[in-house]
Amino acid sequence: SHALVRTRAMAQPAMYEQMVFPTRFVWAYGGKQVHLCGSFTNWLETVPMAIEPNPTGGEVFAVVCNLPPGYHQYKFIVDGEWKYAPDQPAMYDEMGNVNNVLEVQEYVPEILDSLDSFLAPSSPPESYDCALFTQDDFAKEPPACPPHLHLTLLNMPQIPDAPNLLPRPQHVVLNHMYNDRTKQQRGQHVMGTTHRYRSKYVTVVFVKPS
């Protein structure tokens, strides 16, 4: 599912003009030779990983790469086989592959003295319009549901090699309440909603008998 890659001896991806931050990658699931490959190398070059002692016991493969801020997908090549770490955040790519993903955030020291005080925008009362509904409003057909709102986590099929992994939801489906009608035929009423906090996504599913 991935293109052929070539190995590089350096433990750093190509240098970027923007600021980069040291990021440590760890593979703790054995193997004789482990390499790292990801979007930060355009999936064309691999970075060899070295064996290091694990503080909790045993050994792990690790490497430190300088990455620019943003989201980066990556995967491990263990003895020639592409694998992802199940203990690290993961997502589906456009081809349906399961890749690990991380976000590198740029650290900006917070200087409170440089922040301008918040000024509420002017909002005169006459700018609001609270017109009552008319009979014509009730006679109109309801607007059609946008098609992208159907791409909820309740409607995503499971992948056989990663049944417990959910794809990253699109931002347009966040903070909406959804009803899974397919479960009503089985005597169940299923509702769900997804919220985001920074780079974390939390989905709550409510199930009850119909």
C-alpha atoms as a PDB file:
ATOM      1  CA  SER A   1       0.000   0.000   0.000  1.00  0.00           C
ATOM      2  CA  HIS A   2       3.025   2.254   0.317  1.00  0.00           C
ATOM      3  CA  ALA A   3       5.517   3.216  -2.328  1.00  0.00           C
ATOM      4  CA  LEU A   4       9.055   1.808  -2.349  1.00  0.00           C
ATOM      5  CA  VAL A   5      11.302   3.794  -0.007  1.00  0.00           C
ATOM      6  CA  ARG A   6      15.053   4.241   0.235  1.00  0.00           C
ATOM      7  CA  THR A   7      17.018   4.220   3.471  1.00  0.00           C
ATOM      8  CA  ARG A   8      18.994   7.218   4.621  1.00  0.00           C
ATOM      9  CA  ALA A   9      21.819   7.112   7.126  1.00  0.00           C
ATOM     10  CA  MET A  10      20.970  10.403   8.792  1.00  0.00           C
ATOM     11  CA  ALA A  11      18.520  10.423  11.679  1.00  0.00           C
ATOM     12  CA  GLN A  12      17.041  13.768  10.608  1.00  0.00           C
ATOM     13  CA  PRO A  13      14.564  14.552   7.811  1.00  0.00           C
ATOM     14  CA  ALA A  14      15.320  17.207   5.251  1.00  0.00           C
ATOM     15  CA  MET A  15      15.763  20.618   6.839  1.00  0.00           C
ATOM     16  CA  TYR A  16      12.898  23.059   6.585  1.00  0.00           C
ATOM     17  CA  GLU A  17      13.170  26.784   6.339  1.00  0.00           C
ATOM     18  CA  GLN A  18      10.715  27.215   9.182  1.00  0.00           C
ATOM     19  CA  MET A  19      11.348  26.436  12.820  1.00  0.00           C
ATOM     20  CA  VAL A  20      11.669  22.761  13.734  1.00  0.00           C
ATOM     21  CA  PHE A  21      11.330  20.945  17.047  1.00  0.00           C
ATOM     22  CA  PRO A  22      13.006  17.716  18.250  1.00  0.00           C
ATOM     23  CA  THR A  23      10.412  14.912  18.288  1.00  0.00           C
ATOM     24  CA  ARG A  24      11.072  11.436  19.671  1.00  0.00           C
ATOM     25  CA  PHE A  25       9.583   8.334  18.043  1.00  0.00           C
ATOM     26  CA  VAL A  26       9.460   4.994  19.868  1.00  0.00           C
ATOM     27  CA  TRP A  27       8.681   1.461  18.697  1.00  0.00           C
ATOM     28  CA  ALA A  28       8.217  -0.986  21.589  1.00  0.00           C
ATOM     29  CA  TYR A  29       6.988  -4.120  19.799  1.00  0.00           C
ATOM     30  CA  GLY A  30      10.200  -5.948  18.997  1.00  0.00           C
ATOM     31  CA  GLY A  31      11.954  -6.694  15.755  1.00  0.00           C
ATOM     32  CA  LYS A  32      15.522  -6.947  14.515  1.00  0.00           C
ATOM     33  CA  GLN A  33      15.623  -3.846  12.306  1.00  0.00           C
ATOM     34  CA  VAL A  34      13.174  -0.962  12.582  1.00  0.00           C
ATOM     35  CA  HIS A  35      12.983   2.121  10.367  1.00  0.00           C
ATOM     36  CA  LEU A  36      10.744   5.183  10.555  1.00  0.00           C
ATOM     37  CA  CYS A  37       8.966   6.675   7.547  1.00  0.00           C
ATOM     38  CA  GLY A  38       6.361   9.396   7.332  1.00  0.00           C
ATOM     39  CA  SER A  39       4.851  12.390   5.648  1.00  0.00           C
ATOM     40  CA  PHE A  40       7.767  14.537   6.870  1.00  0.00           C
ATOM     41  CA  THR A  41      10.008  12.592   4.455  1.00  0.00           C
ATOM     42  CA  ASN A  42       7.311  12.497   1.751  1.00  0.00           C
ATOM     43  CA  TRP A  43       7.139   8.710   2.346  1.00  0.00           C
ATOM     44  CA  LEU A  44      10.265   8.377   0.198  1.00  0.00           C
ATOM     45  CA  GLU A  45      13.043   8.004   2.760  1.00  0.00           C
ATOM     46  CA  THR A  46      13.353   5.964   5.936  1.00  0.00           C
ATOM     47  CA  VAL A  47      15.143   6.812   9.161  1.00  0.00           C
ATOM     48  CA  PRO A  48      16.874   3.936  10.993  1.00  0.00           C
ATOM     49  CA  MET A  49      15.973   3.591  14.654  1.00  0.00           C
ATOM     50  CA  ALA A  50      18.420   2.618  17.403  1.00  0.00           C
ATOM     51  CA  ILE A  51      17.870   0.245  20.308  1.00  0.00           C
ATOM     52  CA  GLU A  52      17.547   1.969  23.677  1.00  0.00           C
ATOM     53  CA  PRO A  53      16.783   0.632  27.169  1.00  0.00           C
ATOM     54  CA  ASN A  54      13.164   0.939  28.209  1.00  0.00           C
ATOM     55  CA  PRO A  55      12.680   2.570  31.649  1.00  0.00           C
ATOM     56  CA  THR A  56       9.936   0.030  32.397  1.00  0.00           C
ATOM     57  CA  GLY A  57      12.140  -2.890  31.360  1.00  0.00           C
ATOM     58  CA  GLY A  58      13.369  -4.411  28.149  1.00  0.00           C
ATOM     59  CA  GLU A  59      14.425  -2.495  25.056  1.00  0.00           C
ATOM     60  CA  VAL A  60      12.749  -0.239  22.511  1.00  0.00           C
ATOM     61  CA  PHE A  61      13.670   1.282  19.156  1.00  0.00           C
ATOM     62  CA  ALA A  62      13.834   5.085  19.233  1.00  0.00           C
ATOM     63  CA  VAL A  63      14.952   8.032  17.130  1.00  0.00           C
ATOM     64  CA  VAL A  64      14.696  11.828  17.392  1.00  0.00           C
ATOM     65  CA  CYS A  65      13.744  13.858  14.311  1.00  0.00           C
ATOM     66  CA  ASN A  66      13.416  17.606  13.860  1.00  0.00           C
ATOM     67  CA  LEU A  67       9.895  18.340  12.620  1.00  0.00           C
ATOM     68  CA  PRO A  68       8.100  21.578  11.753  1.00  0.00           C
ATOM     69  CA  PRO A  69       4.843  22.477  13.504  1.00  0.00           C
ATOM     70  CA  GLY A  70       1.723  20.738  12.234  1.00  0.00           C
ATOM     71  CA  TYR A  71       0.244  17.264  11.841  1.00  0.00           C
ATOM     72  CA  HIS A  72       2.510  14.453  10.660  1.00  0.00           C
ATOM     73  CA  GLN A  73       1.622  10.877   9.715  1.00  0.00           C
ATOM     74  CA  TYR A  74       4.203   8.138  10.156  1.00  0.00           C
ATOM     75  CA  LYS A  75       4.658   4.398  10.213  1.00  0.00           C
ATOM     76  CA  PHE A  76       7.285   1.874  11.245  1.00  0.00           C
ATOM     77  CA  ILE A  77       8.994  -0.644   8.974  1.00  0.00           C
ATOM     78  CA  VAL A  78       9.763  -3.663  11.157  1.00  0.00           C
ATOM     79  CA  ASP A  79      11.935  -6.269   9.443  1.00  0.00           C
ATOM     80  CA  GLY A  80      10.603  -5.093   6.086  1.00  0.00           C
ATOM     81  CA  GLU A  81       6.916  -5.011   7.092  1.00  0.00           C
ATOM     82  CA  TRP A  82       4.879  -1.808   7.449  1.00  0.00           C
ATOM     83  CA  LYS A  83       3.299  -1.514  10.907  1.00  0.00           C
ATOM     84  CA  TYR A  84       1.694   1.104  13.090  1.00  0.00           C
ATOM     85  CA  ALA A  85       2.044   1.392  16.873  1.00  0.00           C
ATOM     86  CA  PRO A  86      -1.306   0.554  18.530  1.00  0.00           C
ATOM     87  CA  ASP A  87      -0.367   2.521  21.662  1.00  0.00           C
ATOM     88  CA  GLN A  88       0.013   5.782  19.712  1.00  0.00           C
ATOM     89  CA  PRO A  89      -2.640   7.978  18.029  1.00  0.00           C
ATOM     90  CA  ALA A  90      -3.586   6.687  14.591  1.00  0.00           C
ATOM     91  CA  MET A  91      -5.867   7.567  11.689  1.00  0.00           C
ATOM     92  CA  TYR A  92      -6.852   6.441   8.201  1.00  0.00           C
ATOM     93  CA  ASP A  93      -5.253   8.084   5.179  1.00  0.00           C
ATOM     94  CA  GLU A  94      -6.909   8.690   1.815  1.00  0.00           C
ATOM     95  CA  MET A  95      -6.031   5.156   0.664  1.00  0.00           C
ATOM     96  CA  GLY A  96      -7.514   3.466   3.729  1.00  0.00           C
ATOM     97  CA  ASN A  97      -4.160   2.710   5.364  1.00  0.00           C
ATOM     98  CA  VAL A  98      -3.790   2.963   9.139  1.00  0.00           C
ATOM     99  CA  ASN A  99      -1.005   5.414  10.025  1.00  0.00           C
ATOM    100  CA  ASN A 100       0.145   6.863  13.310  1.00  0.00           C
ATOM    101  CA  VAL A 101      -0.288  10.613  13.618  1.00  0.00           C
ATOM    102  CA  LEU A 102       1.073  13.338  15.871  1.00  0.00           C
ATOM    103  CA  GLU A 103       0.829  17.099  16.144  1.00  0.00           C
ATOM    104  CA  VAL A 104       3.947  19.183  16.669  1.00  0.00           C
ATOM    105  CA  GLN A 105       2.985  22.429  18.362  1.00  0.00           C
ATOM    106  CA  GLU A 106       5.082  25.553  18.306  1.00  0.00           C
ATOM    107  CA  TYR A 107       5.764  26.807  21.799  1.00  0.00           C
ATOM    108  CA  VAL A 108       5.110  30.531  22.153  1.00  0.00           C
ATOM    109  CA  PRO A 109       5.808  32.042  25.601  1.00  0.00           C
ATOM    110  CA  GLU A 110       2.745  33.798  26.930  1.00  0.00           C
ATOM    111  CA  ILE A 111       3.444  37.443  27.666  1.00  0.00           C
ATOM    112  CA  LEU A 112       0.358  38.848  29.299  1.00  0.00           C
ATOM    113  CA  ASP A 113       1.599  42.442  29.163  1.00  0.00           C
ATOM    114  CA  SER A 114       1.608  42.343  25.354  1.00  0.00           C
ATOM    115  CA  LEU A 115      -2.022  41.269  25.082  1.00  0.00           C
ATOM    116  CA  ASP A 116      -4.522  43.961  24.262  1.00  0.00           C
ATOM    117  CA  SER A 117      -7.550  44.209  26.475  1.00  0.00           C
ATOM    118  CA  PHE A 118     -10.701  42.697  25.016  1.00  0.00           C
ATOM    119  CA  LEU A 119     -13.065  45.254  23.560  1.00  0.00           C
ATOM    120  CA  ALA A 120     -16.601  44.124  22.918  1.00  0.00           C
ATOM    121  CA  PRO A 121     -17.784  45.095  19.417  1.00  0.00           C
ATOM    122  CA  SER A 122     -20.565  47.613  19.111  1.00  0.00           C
ATOM    123  CA  SER A 123     -23.949  45.932  18.801  1.00  0.00           C
ATOM    124  CA  PRO A 124     -26.858  48.366  18.934  1.00  0.00           C
ATOM    125  CA  PRO A 125     -30.283  46.911  19.765  1.00  0.00           C
ATOM    126  CA  GLU A 126     -31.750  48.080  16.465  1.00  0.00           C
ATOM    127  CA  SER A 127     -29.398  45.695  14.589  1.00  0.00           C
ATOM    128  CA  TYR A 128     -31.396  42.670  15.833  1.00  0.00           C
ATOM    129  CA  ASP A 129     -34.479  41.403  14.054  1.00  0.00           C
ATOM    130  CA  CYS A 130     -36.904  39.111  15.874  1.00  0.00           C
ATOM    131  CA  ALA A 131     -39.679  38.903  13.307  1.00  0.00           C
ATOM    132  CA  LEU A 132     -42.337  36.306  14.055  1.00  0.00           C
ATOM    133  CA  PHE A 133     -42.940  33.308  11.797  1.00  0.00           C
ATOM    134  CA  THR A 134     -45.697  33.536   9.197  1.00  0.00           C
ATOM    135  CA  GLN A 135     -47.839  30.834   7.540  1.00  0.00           C
ATOM    136  CA  ASP A 136     -45.506  30.870   4.532  1.00  0.00           C
ATOM    137  CA  ASP A 137     -42.603  29.833   6.757  1.00  0.00           C
ATOM    138  CA  PHE A 138     -44.476  26.736   7.967  1.00  0.00           C
ATOM    139  CA  ALA A 139     -45.497  25.791   4.410  1.00  0.00           C
ATOM    140  CA  LYS A 140     -41.905  25.563   3.167  1.00  0.00           C
ATOM    141  CA  GLU A 141     -40.091  22.252   2.894  1.00  0.00           C
ATOM    142  CA  PRO A 142     -37.302  21.832   5.451  1.00  0.00           C
ATOM    143  CA  PRO A 143     -33.817  22.387   4.066  1.00  0.00           C
ATOM    144  CA  ALA A 144     -31.954  19.297   2.908  1.00  0.00           C
ATOM    145  CA  CYS A 145     -29.296  17.891   5.206  1.00  0.00           C
ATOM    146  CA  PRO A 146     -25.804  18.664   3.840  1.00  0.00           C
ATOM    147  CA  PRO A 147     -24.214  15.427   2.556  1.00  0.00           C
ATOM    148  CA  HIS A 148     -21.060  15.823   4.651  1.00  0.00           C
ATOM    149  CA  LEU A 149     -23.144  15.606   7.830  1.00  0.00           C
ATOM    150  CA  HIS A 150     -23.783  11.934   7.029  1.00  0.00           C
ATOM    151  CA  LEU A 151     -20.076  11.147   7.555  1.00  0.00           C
ATOM    152  CA  THR A 152     -20.426  10.530  11.271  1.00  0.00           C
ATOM    153  CA  LEU A 153     -18.487   7.995  13.299  1.00  0.00           C
ATOM    154  CA  LEU A 154     -21.693   5.969  13.751  1.00  0.00           C
ATOM    155  CA  ASN A 155     -21.800   5.369  10.005  1.00  0.00           C
ATOM    156  CA  MET A 156     -18.137   4.437   9.494  1.00  0.00           C
ATOM    157  CA  PRO A 157     -17.538   0.722   8.780  1.00  0.00           C
ATOM    158  CA  GLN A 158     -14.914  -1.149  10.754  1.00  0.00           C
ATOM    159  CA  ILE A 159     -11.576  -2.101   9.218  1.00  0.00           C
ATOM    160  CA  PRO A 160     -10.697  -5.785   9.798  1.00  0.00           C
ATOM    161  CA  ASP A 161      -7.054  -5.122  10.746  1.00  0.00           C
ATOM    162  CA  ALA A 162      -7.959  -2.324  13.187  1.00  0.00           C
ATOM    163  CA  PRO A 163     -11.524  -2.821  14.492  1.00  0.00           C
ATOM    164  CA  ASN A 164     -11.013  -0.526  17.504  1.00  0.00           C
ATOM    165  CA  LEU A 165      -9.637   2.393  15.481  1.00  0.00           C
ATOM    166  CA  LEU A 166     -11.858   5.270  14.384  1.00  0.00           C
ATOM    167  CA  PRO A 167     -10.907   7.790  11.696  1.00  0.00           C
ATOM    168  CA  ARG A 168     -10.394  11.422  12.567  1.00  0.00           C
ATOM    169  CA  PRO A 169     -13.827  13.091  12.203  1.00  0.00           C
ATOM    170  CA  GLN A 170     -14.293  16.041   9.916  1.00  0.00           C
ATOM    171  CA  HIS A 171     -14.716  19.359  11.675  1.00  0.00           C
ATOM    172  CA  VAL A 172     -18.157  19.905  10.107  1.00  0.00           C
ATOM    173  CA  VAL A 173     -19.621  16.953  12.045  1.00  0.00           C
ATOM    174  CA  LEU A 174     -18.432  18.113  15.468  1.00  0.00           C
ATOM    175  CA  ASN A 175     -20.889  19.258  18.153  1.00  0.00           C
ATOM    176  CA  HIS A 176     -23.877  17.661  16.386  1.00  0.00           C
ATOM    177  CA  MET A 177     -26.254  15.065  17.802  1.00  0.00           C
ATOM    178  CA  TYR A 178     -26.827  12.071  15.513  1.00  0.00           C
ATOM    179  CA  ASN A 179     -29.401   9.310  15.446  1.00  0.00           C
ATOM    180  CA  ASP A 180     -28.444   5.943  13.970  1.00  0.00           C
ATOM    181  CA  ARG A 181     -31.653   4.746  12.306  1.00  0.00           C
ATOM    182  CA  THR A 182     -30.173   1.411  11.224  1.00  0.00           C
ATOM    183  CA  LYS A 183     -30.173   0.193  14.832  1.00  0.00           C
ATOM    184  CA  GLN A 184     -33.894   0.877  15.292  1.00  0.00           C
ATOM    185  CA  GLN A 185     -34.719  -2.277  13.344  1.00  0.00           C
ATOM    186  CA  ARG A 186     -32.879  -4.259  16.026  1.00  0.00           C
ATOM    187  CA  GLY A 187     -34.904  -2.704  18.828  1.00  0.00           C
ATOM    188  CA  GLN A 188     -32.219  -0.192  19.812  1.00  0.00           C
ATOM    189  CA  HIS A 189     -32.134   3.574  19.839  1.00  0.00           C
ATOM    190  CA  VAL A 190     -28.584   4.870  19.284  1.00  0.00           C
ATOM    191  CA  MET A 191     -27.501   8.498  19.458  1.00  0.00           C
ATOM    192  CA  GLY A 192     -24.004   9.943  19.402  1.00  0.00           C
ATOM    193  CA  THR A 193     -22.046  13.173  19.419  1.00  0.00           C
ATOM    194  CA  THR A 194     -18.369  14.064  18.941  1.00  0.00           C
ATOM    195  CA  HIS A 195     -16.460  16.929  20.544  1.00  0.00           C
ATOM    196  CA  ARG A 196     -12.905  18.118  20.067  1.00  0.00           C
ATOM    197  CA  TYR A 197     -10.448  19.531  22.593  1.00  0.00           C
ATOM    198  CA  ARG A 198      -7.240  20.631  20.869  1.00  0.00           C
ATOM    199  CA  SER A 199      -5.991  17.459  19.119  1.00  0.00           C
ATOM    200  CA  LYS A 200      -8.216  15.063  21.112  1.00  0.00           C
ATOM    201  CA  TYR A 201     -11.607  13.820  19.964  1.00  0.00           C
ATOM    202  CA  VAL A 202     -14.224  12.417  22.325  1.00  0.00           C
ATOM    203  CA  THR A 203     -17.303  10.557  21.041  1.00  0.00           C
ATOM    204  CA  VAL A 204     -20.209   9.747  23.376  1.00  0.00           C
ATOM    205  CA  VAL A 205     -22.733   7.105  22.272  1.00  0.00           C
ATOM    206  CA  PHE A 206     -26.111   6.693  23.999  1.00  0.00           C
ATOM    207  CA  VAL A 207     -27.841   3.318  23.564  1.00  0.00           C
ATOM    208  CA  LYS A 208     -31.279   2.386  24.916  1.00  0.00           C
ATOM    209  CA  PRO A 209     -34.064  -0.063  23.968  1.00  0.00           C
ATOM    210  CA  SER A 210     -36.569   1.348  21.492  1.00  0.00           C
END
